[in-house]
Amino acid sequence: MVKQRSDRSQEVLGAVLGVVRTMAGAVVGGGIALAFVIGAVASGPHESDPWGE
């Protein structure tokens, strides 16, 4: 009984860690992509600004 419960908690913990890791990866990836976009827009000529500002 105790072993079964411990296995179940390991499973849940693994799932939670997987979700957290995925979310963290997405946030980091998005942040890096955003930084690249901002850097490209800031350093590029304003005439070619895709937003036409």
N, C-alpha and C. Protein backbone atom coordinates (compact mmCIF):
# COMPACT_ATOMS: atom_id res chain seq x y z
N MET A 1 0.85 -1.20 0.00
CA MET A 1 0.00 0.00 0.00
C MET A 1 0.88 1.25 0.00
N VAL A 2 1.87 1.26 0.87
CA VAL A 2 2.73 2.44 0.96
C VAL A 2 3.53 2.59 -0.33
N LYS A 3 4.01 1.45 -0.86
CA LYS A 3 4.80 1.50 -2.09
C LYS A 3 3.95 2.05 -3.24
N GLN A 4 2.70 1.62 -3.32
CA GLN A 4 1.81 2.07 -4.39
C GLN A 4 1.62 3.59 -4.29
N ARG A 5 1.42 4.07 -3.09
CA ARG A 5 1.21 5.51 -2.90
C ARG A 5 2.48 6.27 -3.31
N SER A 6 3.63 5.74 -2.93
CA SER A 6 4.88 6.43 -3.26
C SER A 6 5.10 6.45 -4.77
N ASP A 7 4.74 5.36 -5.45
CA ASP A 7 4.86 5.33 -6.91
C ASP A 7 3.96 6.39 -7.53
N ARG A 8 2.75 6.48 -7.00
CA ARG A 8 1.78 7.44 -7.53
C ARG A 8 2.30 8.87 -7.35
N SER A 9 2.86 9.16 -6.18
CA SER A 9 3.36 10.52 -5.94
C SER A 9 4.57 10.81 -6.84
N GLN A 10 5.38 9.79 -7.10
CA GLN A 10 6.51 9.97 -8.03
C GLN A 10 5.98 10.34 -9.41
N GLU A 11 4.91 9.65 -9.82
CA GLU A 11 4.29 9.88 -11.12
C GLU A 11 3.79 11.32 -11.21
N VAL A 12 3.06 11.75 -10.19
CA VAL A 12 2.51 13.11 -10.17
C VAL A 12 3.64 14.13 -10.17
N LEU A 13 4.65 13.88 -9.35
CA LEU A 13 5.79 14.80 -9.27
C LEU A 13 6.48 14.91 -10.63
N GLY A 14 6.65 13.75 -11.29
CA GLY A 14 7.27 13.75 -12.61
C GLY A 14 6.47 14.56 -13.61
N ALA A 15 5.14 14.40 -13.56
CA ALA A 15 4.27 15.13 -14.49
C ALA A 15 4.36 16.63 -14.23
N VAL A 16 4.32 17.01 -12.96
CA VAL A 16 4.39 18.43 -12.60
C VAL A 16 5.73 19.03 -13.05
N LEU A 17 6.81 18.29 -12.79
CA LEU A 17 8.13 18.78 -13.20
C LEU A 17 8.21 18.92 -14.71
N GLY A 18 7.60 17.96 -15.42
CA GLY A 18 7.60 18.03 -16.88
C GLY A 18 6.89 19.28 -17.37
N VAL A 19 5.75 19.58 -16.78
CA VAL A 19 4.98 20.76 -17.18
C VAL A 19 5.77 22.03 -16.87
N VAL A 20 6.33 22.09 -15.67
CA VAL A 20 7.11 23.27 -15.27
C VAL A 20 8.30 23.46 -16.21
N ARG A 21 8.97 22.35 -16.52
CA ARG A 21 10.14 22.43 -17.40
C ARG A 21 9.73 22.92 -18.78
N THR A 22 8.61 22.43 -19.27
CA THR A 22 8.12 22.83 -20.60
C THR A 22 7.77 24.32 -20.60
N MET A 23 7.08 24.77 -19.54
CA MET A 23 6.69 26.18 -19.46
C MET A 23 7.93 27.06 -19.37
N ALA A 24 8.89 26.65 -18.55
CA ALA A 24 10.11 27.44 -18.40
C ALA A 24 10.85 27.52 -19.73
N GLY A 25 10.90 26.40 -20.45
CA GLY A 25 11.56 26.38 -21.75
C GLY A 25 10.87 27.32 -22.73
N ALA A 26 9.55 27.33 -22.69
CA ALA A 26 8.79 28.19 -23.60
C ALA A 26 9.04 29.66 -23.27
N VAL A 27 9.07 29.96 -21.98
CA VAL A 27 9.29 31.35 -21.55
C VAL A 27 10.69 31.81 -21.96
N VAL A 28 11.68 30.96 -21.72
CA VAL A 28 13.06 31.31 -22.07
C VAL A 28 13.20 31.47 -23.58
N GLY A 29 12.63 30.51 -24.33
CA GLY A 29 12.69 30.58 -25.79
C GLY A 29 12.01 31.83 -26.31
N GLY A 30 10.85 32.15 -25.75
CA GLY A 30 10.11 33.34 -26.16
C GLY A 30 10.88 34.60 -25.84
N GLY A 31 11.51 34.61 -24.67
CA GLY A 31 12.29 35.78 -24.27
C GLY A 31 13.48 36.01 -25.18
N ILE A 32 14.14 34.92 -25.56
CA ILE A 32 15.29 35.03 -26.47
C ILE A 32 14.83 35.53 -27.83
N ALA A 33 13.72 34.97 -28.33
CA ALA A 33 13.20 35.40 -29.64
C ALA A 33 12.82 36.87 -29.60
N LEU A 34 12.18 37.27 -28.51
CA LEU A 34 11.76 38.67 -28.36
C LEU A 34 12.98 39.59 -28.33
N ALA A 35 14.03 39.16 -27.62
CA ALA A 35 15.25 39.96 -27.55
C ALA A 35 15.87 40.13 -28.94
N PHE A 36 15.86 39.05 -29.73
CA PHE A 36 16.40 39.13 -31.09
C PHE A 36 15.59 40.11 -31.93
N VAL A 37 14.27 40.04 -31.83
CA VAL A 37 13.41 40.93 -32.61
C VAL A 37 13.65 42.38 -32.22
N ILE A 38 13.68 42.64 -30.90
CA ILE A 38 13.90 44.01 -30.42
C ILE A 38 15.27 44.51 -30.89
N GLY A 39 16.28 43.65 -30.77
CA GLY A 39 17.62 44.03 -31.20
C GLY A 39 17.67 44.34 -32.69
N ALA A 40 16.99 43.52 -33.50
CA ALA A 40 16.99 43.73 -34.95
C ALA A 40 16.30 45.03 -35.30
N VAL A 41 15.16 45.29 -34.66
CA VAL A 41 14.41 46.52 -34.95
C VAL A 41 15.19 47.75 -34.48
N ALA A 42 15.81 47.64 -33.30
CA ALA A 42 16.53 48.79 -32.74
C ALA A 42 17.78 49.11 -33.55
N SER A 43 18.49 48.09 -34.05
CA SER A 43 19.74 48.33 -34.75
C SER A 43 19.55 48.56 -36.24
N GLY A 44 18.41 48.09 -36.78
CA GLY A 44 18.16 48.23 -38.21
C GLY A 44 17.73 49.64 -38.57
N PRO A 45 17.80 49.98 -39.85
CA PRO A 45 17.34 51.30 -40.30
C PRO A 45 15.84 51.44 -40.08
N HIS A 46 15.42 52.61 -39.64
CA HIS A 46 14.01 52.80 -39.30
C HIS A 46 13.11 52.80 -40.53
N GLU A 47 13.69 53.02 -41.70
CA GLU A 47 12.88 53.00 -42.92
C GLU A 47 12.31 51.61 -43.18
N SER A 48 13.04 50.58 -42.79
CA SER A 48 12.59 49.21 -43.05
C SER A 48 11.85 48.62 -41.85
N ASP A 49 11.41 49.47 -40.93
CA ASP A 49 10.66 49.02 -39.76
C ASP A 49 9.33 48.43 -40.23
N PRO A 50 9.09 47.14 -39.95
CA PRO A 50 7.87 46.49 -40.46
C PRO A 50 6.59 47.10 -39.91
N TRP A 51 6.67 47.79 -38.76
CA TRP A 51 5.47 48.39 -38.18
C TRP A 51 5.23 49.81 -38.68
N GLY A 52 6.19 50.33 -39.46
CA GLY A 52 6.04 51.65 -40.05
C GLY A 52 5.93 52.78 -39.05
N GLU A 53 6.68 52.66 -37.96
CA GLU A 53 6.61 53.73 -36.95
C GLU A 53 7.62 54.82 -37.27
